[in-house]
Amino acid sequence: MSEITLDLRGVDKSRAYAELDGHVRAVLEGVDDPITAMATVSCLVHHAFGHLWTGFYRVVAPGLLRVGPYQGTLGCLEIPFGKGVCGTAAAEERAVVVADVASFPGHISCDGRSRSEIVLPVKDRSGTLVAVFDVDSDRVGAFGAADEAGLARIVAWFAGR
C-alpha cells in the first residue's frame, strides 16, 4: 500500500491533482469504510498542498452537517444547510468556490486566518448527499477551476465504492 503523503506544492495543479487522485485511489484500494476514507482523503489533500483546514462535514440529519474527519485547527461542530459556504454547498448540492471569504455573505469563520475556501458536495453511489468536502486557505484566491475539477475527481471515490 502507498501509505505516504505527497508534497505537491509548486507542481502544476492539473498534474498535481492527477497524481494525487491516483495516490488516493491506491491508498484506498480495498477500503469500504467511508469514515476511514474521509480521514485518509483529508490527510492526503491537506499535506499535498499545505492547506489551512481540510475536511468533511457529514450529513447527520435532514438539513444538518456535523464535522467529520479533518486536518487543521478546530472546526465548527455543526452547520445548518444554507448557512456559510459549507451549508450553501450542501443545500444547493454544488461546488462553491470563494476567492475571498470576507465577500461571502454569512461566511462562518471557524478559523480567523481563513481567506479563501472551496467546498464540494460528496455523494454516495445512489446519488445521495452524504457530506461536503471543505478546504480553507490562508491566502485570498487560492482556489480555482483546476482545484474544483481535481477535488471533484477525488471525492467521486465515494460515489464509486
Protein backbone atom coordinates (compact mmCIF):
# COMPACT_ATOMS: atom_id res chain seq x y z
CA MET A 1 0.00 0.00 0.00
CA SER A 2 1.19 3.54 -0.75
CA GLU A 3 0.88 4.98 2.75
CA ILE A 4 2.89 8.13 2.28
CA THR A 5 1.82 11.73 1.94
CA LEU A 6 2.82 13.66 -1.14
CA ASP A 7 4.01 17.26 -1.16
CA LEU A 8 2.66 18.73 -4.40
CA ARG A 9 3.15 22.41 -3.61
CA GLY A 10 4.77 24.08 -6.57
CA VAL A 11 3.58 21.41 -9.02
CA ASP A 12 1.21 22.46 -11.83
CA LYS A 13 -2.27 21.96 -10.34
CA SER A 14 -3.62 19.77 -13.14
CA ARG A 15 -0.63 17.45 -12.86
CA ALA A 16 -0.68 17.60 -9.06
CA TYR A 17 -4.34 16.59 -8.85
CA ALA A 18 -3.88 13.76 -11.35
CA GLU A 19 -1.02 12.41 -9.25
CA LEU A 20 -2.92 12.91 -6.00
CA ASP A 21 -6.06 11.21 -7.34
CA GLY A 22 -4.04 8.16 -8.34
CA HIS A 23 -2.36 8.12 -4.94
CA VAL A 24 -5.67 8.44 -3.07
CA ARG A 25 -7.14 5.55 -5.06
CA ALA A 26 -4.07 3.39 -4.41
CA VAL A 27 -4.18 4.06 -0.67
CA LEU A 28 -7.93 3.41 -0.51
CA GLU A 29 -7.73 0.19 -2.55
CA GLY A 30 -9.96 -2.35 -0.78
CA VAL A 31 -11.34 0.19 1.73
CA ASP A 32 -15.13 0.25 2.08
CA ASP A 33 -15.48 2.38 5.21
CA PRO A 34 -16.46 5.97 4.35
CA ILE A 35 -15.13 7.41 7.62
CA THR A 36 -11.74 5.80 7.05
CA ALA A 37 -11.79 7.19 3.52
CA MET A 38 -12.73 10.68 4.74
CA ALA A 39 -9.86 10.67 7.23
CA THR A 40 -7.43 9.48 4.58
CA VAL A 41 -8.57 11.93 1.90
CA SER A 42 -8.42 14.82 4.40
CA CYS A 43 -4.85 13.92 5.32
CA LEU A 44 -3.60 13.40 1.79
CA VAL A 45 -5.14 16.58 0.34
CA HIS A 46 -4.14 18.68 3.36
CA HIS A 47 -0.49 17.69 3.27
CA ALA A 48 -0.19 17.66 -0.52
CA PHE A 49 -0.96 21.37 -0.72
CA GLY A 50 -0.29 22.69 2.79
CA HIS A 51 -3.84 23.98 3.31
CA LEU A 52 -5.08 25.71 6.45
CA TRP A 53 -8.03 23.34 7.02
CA THR A 54 -9.15 20.29 5.06
CA GLY A 55 -12.01 18.01 5.93
CA PHE A 56 -15.53 16.73 5.76
CA TYR A 57 -18.82 17.85 7.21
CA ARG A 58 -21.16 14.85 7.25
CA VAL A 59 -24.92 14.96 6.75
CA VAL A 60 -26.24 13.67 10.10
CA ALA A 61 -29.89 14.75 9.93
CA PRO A 62 -32.09 16.47 7.39
CA GLY A 63 -30.60 19.92 6.89
CA LEU A 64 -27.67 19.47 9.29
CA LEU A 65 -23.93 18.97 8.78
CA ARG A 66 -21.61 17.82 11.58
CA VAL A 67 -17.84 17.94 11.47
CA GLY A 68 -16.24 14.71 10.35
CA PRO A 69 -12.63 13.70 9.80
CA TYR A 70 -10.37 16.68 9.15
CA GLN A 71 -6.87 18.13 9.36
CA GLY A 72 -6.23 21.57 10.85
CA THR A 73 -7.45 23.64 13.76
CA LEU A 74 -10.77 23.06 15.50
CA GLY A 75 -13.65 23.01 13.01
CA CYS A 76 -17.19 24.23 13.51
CA LEU A 77 -19.10 21.41 15.13
CA GLU A 78 -22.41 21.81 13.32
CA ILE A 79 -23.55 23.80 10.29
CA PRO A 80 -27.16 24.01 9.11
CA PHE A 81 -27.82 23.65 5.39
CA GLY A 82 -27.91 27.08 3.79
CA LYS A 83 -25.53 28.68 6.32
CA GLY A 84 -22.00 29.68 5.34
CA VAL A 85 -20.08 28.19 2.44
CA CYS A 86 -20.48 24.57 3.59
CA GLY A 87 -24.20 24.91 4.24
CA THR A 88 -24.69 26.59 0.87
CA ALA A 89 -22.83 23.81 -0.96
CA ALA A 90 -24.94 21.22 0.89
CA ALA A 91 -28.28 22.95 0.31
CA GLU A 92 -27.58 23.54 -3.39
CA GLU A 93 -25.60 20.30 -3.89
CA ARG A 94 -22.96 22.12 -5.91
CA ALA A 95 -19.35 23.17 -5.55
CA VAL A 96 -18.81 26.64 -4.09
CA VAL A 97 -15.50 28.43 -4.66
CA VAL A 98 -14.96 31.61 -2.65
CA ALA A 99 -11.92 33.68 -3.61
CA ASP A 100 -12.27 35.98 -0.58
CA VAL A 101 -14.36 34.77 2.35
CA ALA A 102 -14.81 38.36 3.54
CA SER A 103 -17.03 38.91 0.49
CA PHE A 104 -19.25 35.86 1.10
CA PRO A 105 -22.44 36.90 2.92
CA GLY A 106 -22.90 34.81 6.06
CA HIS A 107 -19.44 33.24 5.96
CA ILE A 108 -18.86 31.20 9.12
CA SER A 109 -15.35 31.75 10.42
CA CYS A 110 -14.10 28.70 12.29
CA ASP A 111 -10.51 29.96 11.92
CA GLY A 112 -9.90 33.69 11.57
CA ARG A 113 -6.91 33.04 9.31
CA SER A 114 -9.11 31.62 6.54
CA ARG A 115 -9.08 33.86 3.45
CA SER A 116 -10.46 31.60 0.70
CA GLU A 117 -12.44 28.38 0.58
CA ILE A 118 -13.69 25.64 -1.70
CA VAL A 119 -16.48 23.22 -0.77
CA LEU A 120 -17.72 20.28 -2.84
CA PRO A 121 -20.72 18.01 -2.35
CA VAL A 122 -19.94 14.37 -1.63
CA LYS A 123 -22.49 11.82 -2.82
CA ASP A 124 -22.75 8.09 -2.38
CA ARG A 125 -23.40 5.51 -5.08
CA SER A 126 -27.15 6.25 -5.08
CA GLY A 127 -26.54 9.98 -5.58
CA THR A 128 -27.50 10.89 -2.01
CA LEU A 129 -25.57 13.75 -0.42
CA VAL A 130 -23.56 12.26 2.47
CA ALA A 131 -21.13 15.10 3.20
CA VAL A 132 -19.35 18.15 1.89
CA PHE A 133 -15.59 18.39 1.48
CA ASP A 134 -14.26 21.72 2.74
CA VAL A 135 -10.80 23.17 2.10
CA ASP A 136 -9.66 26.52 3.51
CA SER A 137 -6.57 28.54 2.67
CA ASP A 138 -4.88 31.42 4.44
CA ARG A 139 -4.40 33.06 1.01
CA VAL A 140 -7.01 35.04 -0.94
CA GLY A 141 -7.79 33.45 -4.32
CA ALA A 142 -6.14 30.12 -3.55
CA PHE A 143 -8.73 28.01 -5.39
CA GLY A 144 -9.93 27.93 -8.97
CA ALA A 145 -11.23 25.68 -11.72
CA ALA A 146 -8.29 23.26 -11.51
CA ASP A 147 -8.93 22.76 -7.78
CA GLU A 148 -12.64 22.23 -8.33
CA ALA A 149 -12.06 19.66 -11.08
CA GLY A 150 -9.25 17.88 -9.20
CA LEU A 151 -11.11 17.69 -5.91
CA ALA A 152 -14.29 16.58 -7.67
CA ARG A 153 -12.40 13.61 -9.11
CA ILE A 154 -11.04 12.74 -5.68
CA VAL A 155 -14.41 12.89 -3.85
CA ALA A 156 -16.01 10.89 -6.69
CA TRP A 157 -14.40 7.90 -4.94
CA PHE A 158 -17.36 7.93 -2.51
CA ALA A 159 -19.88 7.51 -5.35
CA GLY A 160 -17.89 4.70 -6.92
CA ARG A 161 -17.27 2.50 -3.91
